[in-house]
PDB file of all heavy atoms in Angstrom:
ATOM      1  N   MET A   1      56.725 128.151 -54.448  1.00  0.00           N
ATOM      2  CA  MET A   1      56.440 129.124 -53.401  1.00  0.00           C
ATOM      3  C   MET A   1      57.692 129.398 -52.561  1.00  0.00           C
ATOM      4  O   MET A   1      58.473 128.484 -52.279  1.00  0.00           O
ATOM      5  CB  MET A   1      55.320 128.595 -52.486  1.00  0.00           C
ATOM      6  CG  MET A   1      53.976 128.446 -53.162  1.00  0.00           C
ATOM      7  SD  MET A   1      52.673 127.971 -51.984  1.00  0.00           S
ATOM      8  CE  MET A   1      53.210 126.317 -51.518  1.00  0.00           C
ATOM      9  N   GLU A   2      57.858 130.632 -52.172  1.00  0.00           N
ATOM     10  CA  GLU A   2      58.921 130.998 -51.245  1.00  0.00           C
ATOM     11  C   GLU A   2      58.474 130.643 -49.830  1.00  0.00           C
ATOM     12  O   GLU A   2      57.315 130.865 -49.471  1.00  0.00           O
ATOM     13  CB  GLU A   2      59.206 132.495 -51.327  1.00  0.00           C
ATOM     14  CG  GLU A   2      59.665 132.972 -52.699  1.00  0.00           C
ATOM     15  CD  GLU A   2      61.126 132.655 -52.964  1.00  0.00           C
ATOM     16  OE1 GLU A   2      61.913 132.641 -51.987  1.00  0.00           O
ATOM     17  OE2 GLU A   2      61.486 132.426 -54.135  1.00  0.00           O
ATOM     18  N   PRO A   3      59.354 130.104 -49.007  1.00  0.00           N
ATOM     19  CA  PRO A   3      58.978 129.785 -47.625  1.00  0.00           C
ATOM     20  C   PRO A   3      58.663 131.071 -46.861  1.00  0.00           C
ATOM     21  O   PRO A   3      59.336 132.091 -47.037  1.00  0.00           O
ATOM     22  CB  PRO A   3      60.218 129.084 -47.073  1.00  0.00           C
ATOM     23  CG  PRO A   3      61.347 129.636 -47.900  1.00  0.00           C
ATOM     24  CD  PRO A   3      60.777 129.830 -49.278  1.00  0.00           C
ATOM     25  N   THR A   4      57.667 131.023 -46.018  1.00  0.00           N
ATOM     26  CA  THR A   4      57.224 132.227 -45.301  1.00  0.00           C
ATOM     27  C   THR A   4      57.556 132.214 -43.820  1.00  0.00           C
ATOM     28  O   THR A   4      57.508 133.266 -43.179  1.00  0.00           O
ATOM     29  CB  THR A   4      55.698 132.387 -45.454  1.00  0.00           C
ATOM     30  OG1 THR A   4      55.053 131.183 -44.995  1.00  0.00           O
ATOM     31  CG2 THR A   4      55.315 132.634 -46.908  1.00  0.00           C
ATOM     32  N   ASP A   5      57.924 131.050 -43.272  1.00  0.00           N
ATOM     33  CA  ASP A   5      58.023 130.965 -41.815  1.00  0.00           C
ATOM     34  C   ASP A   5      59.298 130.323 -41.289  1.00  0.00           C
ATOM     35  O   ASP A   5      59.398 130.074 -40.079  1.00  0.00           O
ATOM     36  CB  ASP A   5      56.815 130.197 -41.268  1.00  0.00           C
ATOM     37  CG  ASP A   5      55.501 130.883 -41.614  1.00  0.00           C
ATOM     38  OD1 ASP A   5      55.197 131.913 -40.994  1.00  0.00           O
ATOM     39  OD2 ASP A   5      54.811 130.388 -42.526  1.00  0.00           O
ATOM     40  N   LEU A   6      60.269 130.045 -42.133  1.00  0.00           N
ATOM     41  CA  LEU A   6      61.516 129.475 -41.631  1.00  0.00           C
ATOM     42  C   LEU A   6      62.276 130.534 -40.828  1.00  0.00           C
ATOM     43  O   LEU A   6      62.362 131.687 -41.239  1.00  0.00           O
ATOM     44  CB  LEU A   6      62.401 129.001 -42.789  1.00  0.00           C
ATOM     45  CG  LEU A   6      62.127 127.613 -43.372  1.00  0.00           C
ATOM     46  CD1 LEU A   6      63.088 127.338 -44.520  1.00  0.00           C
ATOM     47  CD2 LEU A   6      62.235 126.525 -42.317  1.00  0.00           C
ATOM     48  N   PRO A   7      62.831 130.160 -39.688  1.00  0.00           N
ATOM     49  CA  PRO A   7      63.621 131.125 -38.908  1.00  0.00           C
ATOM     50  C   PRO A   7      64.895 131.515 -39.663  1.00  0.00           C
ATOM     51  O   PRO A   7      65.411 130.738 -40.463  1.00  0.00           O
ATOM     52  CB  PRO A   7      63.939 130.362 -37.621  1.00  0.00           C
ATOM     53  CG  PRO A   7      63.854 128.917 -38.005  1.00  0.00           C
ATOM     54  CD  PRO A   7      62.774 128.834 -39.041  1.00  0.00           C
ATOM     55  N   GLU A   8      65.391 132.708 -39.397  1.00  0.00           N
ATOM     56  CA  GLU A   8      66.569 133.213 -40.095  1.00  0.00           C
ATOM     57  C   GLU A   8      67.809 132.366 -39.837  1.00  0.00           C
ATOM     58  O   GLU A   8      68.727 132.344 -40.657  1.00  0.00           O
ATOM     59  CB  GLU A   8      66.828 134.670 -39.686  1.00  0.00           C
ATOM     60  CG  GLU A   8      65.838 135.669 -40.277  1.00  0.00           C
ATOM     61  CD  GLU A   8      65.925 135.726 -41.794  1.00  0.00           C
ATOM     62  OE1 GLU A   8      67.037 135.566 -42.342  1.00  0.00           O
ATOM     63  OE2 GLU A   8      64.871 135.929 -42.436  1.00  0.00           O
ATOM     64  N   ASP A   9      67.834 131.676 -38.693  1.00  0.00           N
ATOM     65  CA  ASP A   9      69.004 130.858 -38.375  1.00  0.00           C
ATOM     66  C   ASP A   9      68.856 129.413 -38.859  1.00  0.00           C
ATOM     67  O   ASP A   9      69.607 128.521 -38.441  1.00  0.00           O
ATOM     68  CB  ASP A   9      69.275 130.875 -36.873  1.00  0.00           C
ATOM     69  CG  ASP A   9      68.112 130.306 -36.057  1.00  0.00           C
ATOM     70  OD1 ASP A   9      67.052 130.028 -36.641  1.00  0.00           O
ATOM     71  OD2 ASP A   9      68.274 130.143 -34.829  1.00  0.00           O
ATOM     72  N   PHE A  10      67.897 129.159 -39.734  1.00  0.00           N
ATOM     73  CA  PHE A  10      67.697 127.807 -40.274  1.00  0.00           C
ATOM     74  C   PHE A  10      68.963 127.332 -40.962  1.00  0.00           C
ATOM     75  O   PHE A  10      69.540 128.028 -41.791  1.00  0.00           O
ATOM     76  CB  PHE A  10      66.533 127.809 -41.267  1.00  0.00           C
ATOM     77  CG  PHE A  10      66.419 126.537 -42.067  1.00  0.00           C
ATOM     78  CD1 PHE A  10      65.980 125.369 -41.472  1.00  0.00           C
ATOM     79  CD2 PHE A  10      66.756 126.511 -43.417  1.00  0.00           C
ATOM     80  CE1 PHE A  10      65.875 124.196 -42.200  1.00  0.00           C
ATOM     81  CE2 PHE A  10      66.659 125.344 -44.153  1.00  0.00           C
ATOM     82  CZ  PHE A  10      66.216 124.177 -43.550  1.00  0.00           C
ATOM     83  N   ARG A  11      69.399 126.124 -40.601  1.00  0.00           N
ATOM     84  CA  ARG A  11      70.591 125.533 -41.210  1.00  0.00           C
ATOM     85  C   ARG A  11      70.201 124.353 -42.086  1.00  0.00           C
ATOM     86  O   ARG A  11      69.367 123.532 -41.715  1.00  0.00           O
ATOM     87  CB  ARG A  11      71.569 125.054 -40.126  1.00  0.00           C
ATOM     88  CG  ARG A  11      72.123 126.149 -39.241  1.00  0.00           C
ATOM     89  CD  ARG A  11      72.951 127.152 -40.050  1.00  0.00           C
ATOM     90  NE  ARG A  11      74.066 126.515 -40.741  1.00  0.00           N
ATOM     91  CZ  ARG A  11      75.268 126.335 -40.206  1.00  0.00           C
ATOM     92  NH1 ARG A  11      75.514 126.734 -38.967  1.00  0.00           N
ATOM     93  NH2 ARG A  11      76.236 125.767 -40.900  1.00  0.00           N
ATOM     94  N   ILE A  12      70.838 124.273 -43.224  1.00  0.00           N
ATOM     95  CA  ILE A  12      70.542 123.207 -44.183  1.00  0.00           C
ATOM     96  C   ILE A  12      70.845 121.838 -43.586  1.00  0.00           C
ATOM     97  O   ILE A  12      70.155 120.850 -43.867  1.00  0.00           O
ATOM     98  CB  ILE A  12      71.337 123.425 -45.484  1.00  0.00           C
ATOM     99  CG1 ILE A  12      70.871 124.715 -46.173  1.00  0.00           C
ATOM    100  CG2 ILE A  12      71.186 122.235 -46.429  1.00  0.00           C
ATOM    101  CD1 ILE A  12      71.722 125.128 -47.347  1.00  0.00           C
ATOM    102  N   SER A  13      71.865 121.768 -42.753  1.00  0.00           N
ATOM    103  CA  SER A  13      72.281 120.486 -42.177  1.00  0.00           C
ATOM    104  C   SER A  13      71.341 119.979 -41.091  1.00  0.00           C
ATOM    105  O   SER A  13      71.442 118.828 -40.670  1.00  0.00           O
ATOM    106  CB  SER A  13      73.696 120.601 -41.609  1.00  0.00           C
ATOM    107  OG  SER A  13      73.742 121.606 -40.602  1.00  0.00           O
ATOM    108  N   ARG A  14      70.436 120.810 -40.655  1.00  0.00           N
ATOM    109  CA  ARG A  14      69.541 120.422 -39.563  1.00  0.00           C
ATOM    110  C   ARG A  14      68.577 119.322 -40.010  1.00  0.00           C
ATOM    111  O   ARG A  14      67.941 119.412 -41.060  1.00  0.00           O
ATOM    112  CB  ARG A  14      68.751 121.637 -39.103  1.00  0.00           C
ATOM    113  CG  ARG A  14      67.758 121.330 -38.001  1.00  0.00           C
ATOM    114  CD  ARG A  14      66.953 122.567 -37.659  1.00  0.00           C
ATOM    115  NE  ARG A  14      65.702 122.223 -36.996  1.00  0.00           N
ATOM    116  CZ  ARG A  14      64.651 123.014 -36.953  1.00  0.00           C
ATOM    117  NH1 ARG A  14      64.691 124.188 -37.534  1.00  0.00           N
ATOM    118  NH2 ARG A  14      63.557 122.628 -36.338  1.00  0.00           N
ATOM    119  N   SER A  15      68.463 118.281 -39.207  1.00  0.00           N
ATOM    120  CA  SER A  15      67.529 117.207 -39.512  1.00  0.00           C
ATOM    121  C   SER A  15      66.110 117.627 -39.151  1.00  0.00           C
ATOM    122  O   SER A  15      65.872 118.187 -38.077  1.00  0.00           O
ATOM    123  CB  SER A  15      67.905 115.941 -38.740  1.00  0.00           C
ATOM    124  OG  SER A  15      66.934 114.926 -38.924  1.00  0.00           O
ATOM    125  N   LEU A  16      65.179 117.352 -40.047  1.00  0.00           N
ATOM    126  CA  LEU A  16      63.785 117.728 -39.838  1.00  0.00           C
ATOM    127  C   LEU A  16      62.876 116.507 -39.801  1.00  0.00           C
ATOM    128  O   LEU A  16      61.676 116.600 -40.010  1.00  0.00           O
ATOM    129  CB  LEU A  16      63.326 118.679 -40.948  1.00  0.00           C
ATOM    130  CG  LEU A  16      64.077 120.012 -41.009  1.00  0.00           C
ATOM    131  CD1 LEU A  16      63.804 120.717 -42.318  1.00  0.00           C
ATOM    132  CD2 LEU A  16      63.675 120.885 -39.844  1.00  0.00           C
ATOM    133  N   SER A  17      63.475 115.345 -39.537  1.00  0.00           N
ATOM    134  CA  SER A  17      62.729 114.092 -39.544  1.00  0.00           C
ATOM    135  C   SER A  17      62.067 113.879 -38.188  1.00  0.00           C
ATOM    136  O   SER A  17      62.721 113.501 -37.214  1.00  0.00           O
ATOM    137  CB  SER A  17      63.665 112.922 -39.873  1.00  0.00           C
ATOM    138  OG  SER A  17      62.954 111.714 -39.958  1.00  0.00           O
ATOM    139  N   ALA A  18      60.767 114.140 -38.092  1.00  0.00           N
ATOM    140  CA  ALA A  18      60.027 113.957 -36.836  1.00  0.00           C
ATOM    141  C   ALA A  18      59.782 112.472 -36.575  1.00  0.00           C
ATOM    142  O   ALA A  18      59.811 111.647 -37.498  1.00  0.00           O
ATOM    143  CB  ALA A  18      58.699 114.699 -36.904  1.00  0.00           C
ATOM    144  N   ASN A  19      59.524 112.143 -35.333  1.00  0.00           N
ATOM    145  CA  ASN A  19      59.277 110.748 -34.956  1.00  0.00           C
ATOM    146  C   ASN A  19      57.808 110.399 -35.235  1.00  0.00           C
ATOM    147  O   ASN A  19      57.017 110.209 -34.307  1.00  0.00           O
ATOM    148  CB  ASN A  19      59.618 110.510 -33.494  1.00  0.00           C
ATOM    149  CG  ASN A  19      59.664 109.028 -33.146  1.00  0.00           C
ATOM    150  OD1 ASN A  19      59.255 108.180 -33.943  1.00  0.00           O
ATOM    151  ND2 ASN A  19      60.153 108.720 -31.962  1.00  0.00           N
ATOM    152  N   ILE A  20      57.467 110.311 -36.509  1.00  0.00           N
ATOM    153  CA  ILE A  20      56.077 110.027 -36.872  1.00  0.00           C
ATOM    154  C   ILE A  20      55.703 108.584 -36.576  1.00  0.00           C
ATOM    155  O   ILE A  20      54.523 108.260 -36.433  1.00  0.00           O
ATOM    156  CB  ILE A  20      55.798 110.352 -38.355  1.00  0.00           C
ATOM    157  CG1 ILE A  20      56.684 109.508 -39.274  1.00  0.00           C
ATOM    158  CG2 ILE A  20      55.994 111.839 -38.627  1.00  0.00           C
ATOM    159  CD1 ILE A  20      56.328 109.657 -40.754  1.00  0.00           C
ATOM    160  N   ARG A  21      56.681 107.705 -36.469  1.00  0.00           N
ATOM    161  CA  ARG A  21      56.378 106.307 -36.161  1.00  0.00           C
ATOM    162  C   ARG A  21      55.765 106.201 -34.767  1.00  0.00           C
ATOM    163  O   ARG A  21      54.846 105.414 -34.546  1.00  0.00           O
ATOM    164  CB  ARG A  21      57.632 105.441 -36.262  1.00  0.00           C
ATOM    165  CG  ARG A  21      58.231 105.384 -37.661  1.00  0.00           C
ATOM    166  CD  ARG A  21      59.295 104.290 -37.783  1.00  0.00           C
ATOM    167  NE  ARG A  21      58.713 102.992 -37.557  1.00  0.00           N
ATOM    168  CZ  ARG A  21      59.135 102.143 -36.607  1.00  0.00           C
ATOM    169  NH1 ARG A  21      60.129 102.482 -35.792  1.00  0.00           N
ATOM    170  NH2 ARG A  21      58.559 100.973 -36.463  1.00  0.00           N
ATOM    171  N   ARG A  22      56.270 106.967 -33.845  1.00  0.00           N
ATOM    172  CA  ARG A  22      55.700 106.980 -32.496  1.00  0.00           C
ATOM    173  C   ARG A  22      54.384 107.752 -32.479  1.00  0.00           C
ATOM    174  O   ARG A  22      53.416 107.342 -31.841  1.00  0.00           O
ATOM    175  CB  ARG A  22      56.687 107.601 -31.515  1.00  0.00           C
ATOM    176  CG  ARG A  22      56.154 107.712 -30.085  1.00  0.00           C
ATOM    177  CD  ARG A  22      57.192 108.322 -29.170  1.00  0.00           C
ATOM    178  NE  ARG A  22      58.376 107.469 -29.081  1.00  0.00           N
ATOM    179  CZ  ARG A  22      59.491 107.809 -28.432  1.00  0.00           C
ATOM    180  NH1 ARG A  22      59.565 108.993 -27.824  1.00  0.00           N
ATOM    181  NH2 ARG A  22      60.516 106.984 -28.388  1.00  0.00           N
ATOM    182  N   GLN A  23      54.358 108.867 -33.184  1.00  0.00           N
ATOM    183  CA  GLN A  23      53.177 109.723 -33.202  1.00  0.00           C
ATOM    184  C   GLN A  23      51.942 108.979 -33.698  1.00  0.00           C
ATOM    185  O   GLN A  23      50.855 109.091 -33.135  1.00  0.00           O
ATOM    186  CB  GLN A  23      53.441 110.940 -34.084  1.00  0.00           C
ATOM    187  CG  GLN A  23      52.251 111.874 -34.256  1.00  0.00           C
ATOM    188  CD  GLN A  23      52.542 112.976 -35.260  1.00  0.00           C
ATOM    189  OE1 GLN A  23      53.693 113.249 -35.597  1.00  0.00           O
ATOM    190  NE2 GLN A  23      51.490 113.610 -35.756  1.00  0.00           N
ATOM    191  N   TYR A  24      52.114 108.196 -34.771  1.00  0.00           N
ATOM    192  CA  TYR A  24      50.976 107.498 -35.367  1.00  0.00           C
ATOM    193  C   TYR A  24      50.852 106.051 -34.891  1.00  0.00           C
ATOM    194  O   TYR A  24      49.968 105.336 -35.349  1.00  0.00           O
ATOM    195  CB  TYR A  24      51.107 107.498 -36.897  1.00  0.00           C
ATOM    196  CG  TYR A  24      50.845 108.820 -37.560  1.00  0.00           C
ATOM    197  CD1 TYR A  24      51.881 109.721 -37.789  1.00  0.00           C
ATOM    198  CD2 TYR A  24      49.568 109.169 -37.983  1.00  0.00           C
ATOM    199  CE1 TYR A  24      51.653 110.933 -38.428  1.00  0.00           C
ATOM    200  CE2 TYR A  24      49.329 110.379 -38.621  1.00  0.00           C
ATOM    201  CZ  TYR A  24      50.380 111.260 -38.838  1.00  0.00           C
ATOM    202  OH  TYR A  24      50.147 112.457 -39.465  1.00  0.00           O
ATOM    203  N   LYS A  25      51.775 105.622 -34.008  1.00  0.00           N
ATOM    204  CA  LYS A  25      51.800 104.219 -33.588  1.00  0.00           C
ATOM    205  C   LYS A  25      51.886 103.317 -34.819  1.00  0.00           C
ATOM    206  O   LYS A  25      50.935 102.653 -35.217  1.00  0.00           O
ATOM    207  CB  LYS A  25      50.569 103.868 -32.740  1.00  0.00           C
ATOM    208  CG  LYS A  25      50.481 104.674 -31.458  1.00  0.00           C
ATOM    209  CD  LYS A  25      49.274 104.297 -30.624  1.00  0.00           C
ATOM    210  CE  LYS A  25      49.228 105.107 -29.333  1.00  0.00           C
ATOM    211  NZ  LYS A  25      48.025 104.794 -28.510  1.00  0.00           N
ATOM    212  N   HIS A  26      53.078 103.322 -35.388  1.00  0.00           N
ATOM    213  CA  HIS A  26      53.306 102.776 -36.715  1.00  0.00           C
ATOM    214  C   HIS A  26      52.747 101.368 -36.921  1.00  0.00           C
ATOM    215  O   HIS A  26      52.077 101.090 -37.915  1.00  0.00           O
ATOM    216  CB  HIS A  26      54.817 102.782 -37.021  1.00  0.00           C
ATOM    217  CG  HIS A  26      55.140 102.456 -38.440  1.00  0.00           C
ATOM    218  ND1 HIS A  26      56.424 102.243 -38.887  1.00  0.00           N
ATOM    219  CD2 HIS A  26      54.346 102.276 -39.546  1.00  0.00           C
ATOM    220  CE1 HIS A  26      56.417 101.963 -40.177  1.00  0.00           C
ATOM    221  NE2 HIS A  26      55.175 101.962 -40.599  1.00  0.00           N
ATOM    222  N   LYS A  27      53.022 100.466 -36.011  1.00  0.00           N
ATOM    223  CA  LYS A  27      52.589  99.079 -36.210  1.00  0.00           C
ATOM    224  C   LYS A  27      51.069  98.976 -36.311  1.00  0.00           C
ATOM    225  O   LYS A  27      50.543  98.282 -37.195  1.00  0.00           O
ATOM    226  CB  LYS A  27      53.110  98.190 -35.084  1.00  0.00           C
ATOM    227  CG  LYS A  27      54.617  97.951 -35.147  1.00  0.00           C
ATOM    228  CD  LYS A  27      55.063  96.907 -34.138  1.00  0.00           C
ATOM    229  CE  LYS A  27      56.552  96.629 -34.291  1.00  0.00           C
ATOM    230  NZ  LYS A  27      57.035  95.579 -33.365  1.00  0.00           N
ATOM    231  N   SER A  28      50.383  99.674 -35.435  1.00  0.00           N
ATOM    232  CA  SER A  28      48.915  99.644 -35.465  1.00  0.00           C
ATOM    233  C   SER A  28      48.388 100.325 -36.716  1.00  0.00           C
ATOM    234  O   SER A  28      47.444  99.842 -37.352  1.00  0.00           O
ATOM    235  CB  SER A  28      48.352 100.325 -34.213  1.00  0.00           C
ATOM    236  OG  SER A  28      48.779  99.667 -33.043  1.00  0.00           O
ATOM    237  N   PHE A  29      49.000 101.446 -37.080  1.00  0.00           N
ATOM    238  CA  PHE A  29      48.576 102.197 -38.256  1.00  0.00           C
ATOM    239  C   PHE A  29      48.767 101.365 -39.529  1.00  0.00           C
ATOM    240  O   PHE A  29      47.865 101.266 -40.368  1.00  0.00           O
ATOM    241  CB  PHE A  29      49.366 103.503 -38.360  1.00  0.00           C
ATOM    242  CG  PHE A  29      48.994 104.354 -39.542  1.00  0.00           C
ATOM    243  CD1 PHE A  29      47.934 105.246 -39.470  1.00  0.00           C
ATOM    244  CD2 PHE A  29      49.701 104.261 -40.738  1.00  0.00           C
ATOM    245  CE1 PHE A  29      47.579 106.027 -40.570  1.00  0.00           C
ATOM    246  CE2 PHE A  29      49.355 105.043 -41.829  1.00  0.00           C
ATOM    247  CZ  PHE A  29      48.288 105.921 -41.744  1.00  0.00           C
ATOM    248  N   TYR A  30      49.939 100.751 -39.649  1.00  0.00           N
ATOM    249  CA  TYR A  30      50.250  99.943 -40.831  1.00  0.00           C
ATOM    250  C   TYR A  30      49.285  98.767 -40.958  1.00  0.00           C
ATOM    251  O   TYR A  30      48.770  98.470 -42.046  1.00  0.00           O
ATOM    252  CB  TYR A  30      51.683  99.431 -40.748  1.00  0.00           C
ATOM    253  CG  TYR A  30      52.127  98.610 -41.927  1.00  0.00           C
ATOM    254  CD1 TYR A  30      52.665  99.215 -43.061  1.00  0.00           C
ATOM    255  CD2 TYR A  30      52.010  97.220 -41.917  1.00  0.00           C
ATOM    256  CE1 TYR A  30      53.083  98.465 -44.155  1.00  0.00           C
ATOM    257  CE2 TYR A  30      52.423  96.457 -43.000  1.00  0.00           C
ATOM    258  CZ  TYR A  30      52.945  97.082 -44.113  1.00  0.00           C
ATOM    259  OH  TYR A  30      53.343  96.322 -45.187  1.00  0.00           O
ATOM    260  N   LYS A  31      49.013  98.123 -39.843  1.00  0.00           N
ATOM    261  CA  LYS A  31      48.104  96.970 -39.845  1.00  0.00           C
ATOM    262  C   LYS A  31      46.703  97.382 -40.250  1.00  0.00           C
ATOM    263  O   LYS A  31      46.042  96.690 -41.036  1.00  0.00           O
ATOM    264  CB  LYS A  31      48.090  96.323 -38.461  1.00  0.00           C
ATOM    265  CG  LYS A  31      47.246  95.072 -38.376  1.00  0.00           C
ATOM    266  CD  LYS A  31      47.334  94.448 -36.984  1.00  0.00           C
ATOM    267  CE  LYS A  31      46.473  93.188 -36.902  1.00  0.00           C
ATOM    268  NZ  LYS A  31      46.548  92.575 -35.541  1.00  0.00           N
ATOM    269  N   ALA A  32      46.229  98.518 -39.749  1.00  0.00           N
ATOM    270  CA  ALA A  32      44.881  98.982 -40.054  1.00  0.00           C
ATOM    271  C   ALA A  32      44.736  99.337 -41.529  1.00  0.00           C
ATOM    272  O   ALA A  32      43.730  99.030 -42.164  1.00  0.00           O
ATOM    273  CB  ALA A  32      44.530 100.184 -39.189  1.00  0.00           C
ATOM    274  N   VAL A  33      45.766  99.988 -42.078  1.00  0.00           N
ATOM    275  CA  VAL A  33      45.700 100.430 -43.476  1.00  0.00           C
ATOM    276  C   VAL A  33      45.795  99.251 -44.436  1.00  0.00           C
ATOM    277  O   VAL A  33      45.126  99.217 -45.476  1.00  0.00           O
ATOM    278  CB  VAL A  33      46.825 101.438 -43.768  1.00  0.00           C
ATOM    279  CG1 VAL A  33      46.911 101.743 -45.269  1.00  0.00           C
ATOM    280  CG2 VAL A  33      46.584 102.730 -42.988  1.00  0.00           C
ATOM    281  N   ASN A  34      46.633  98.269 -44.094  1.00  0.00           N
ATOM    282  CA  ASN A  34      46.923  97.182 -45.024  1.00  0.00           C
ATOM    283  C   ASN A  34      46.157  95.891 -44.727  1.00  0.00           C
ATOM    284  O   ASN A  34      46.366  94.882 -45.425  1.00  0.00           O
ATOM    285  CB  ASN A  34      48.427  96.879 -45.011  1.00  0.00           C
ATOM    286  CG  ASN A  34      49.240  98.032 -45.568  1.00  0.00           C
ATOM    287  OD1 ASN A  34      49.326  98.223 -46.777  1.00  0.00           O
ATOM    288  ND2 ASN A  34      49.862  98.810 -44.677  1.00  0.00           N
TER     289      ASN A  34
END
């Protein structure tokens, strides 16, 4: 699929790694799943 919503000034070098560890409370999430 072709991307439909990336801004025209999107740069390849830009980091897109969100802080999901904080968002999901990693330690609690990992413990619950495992």
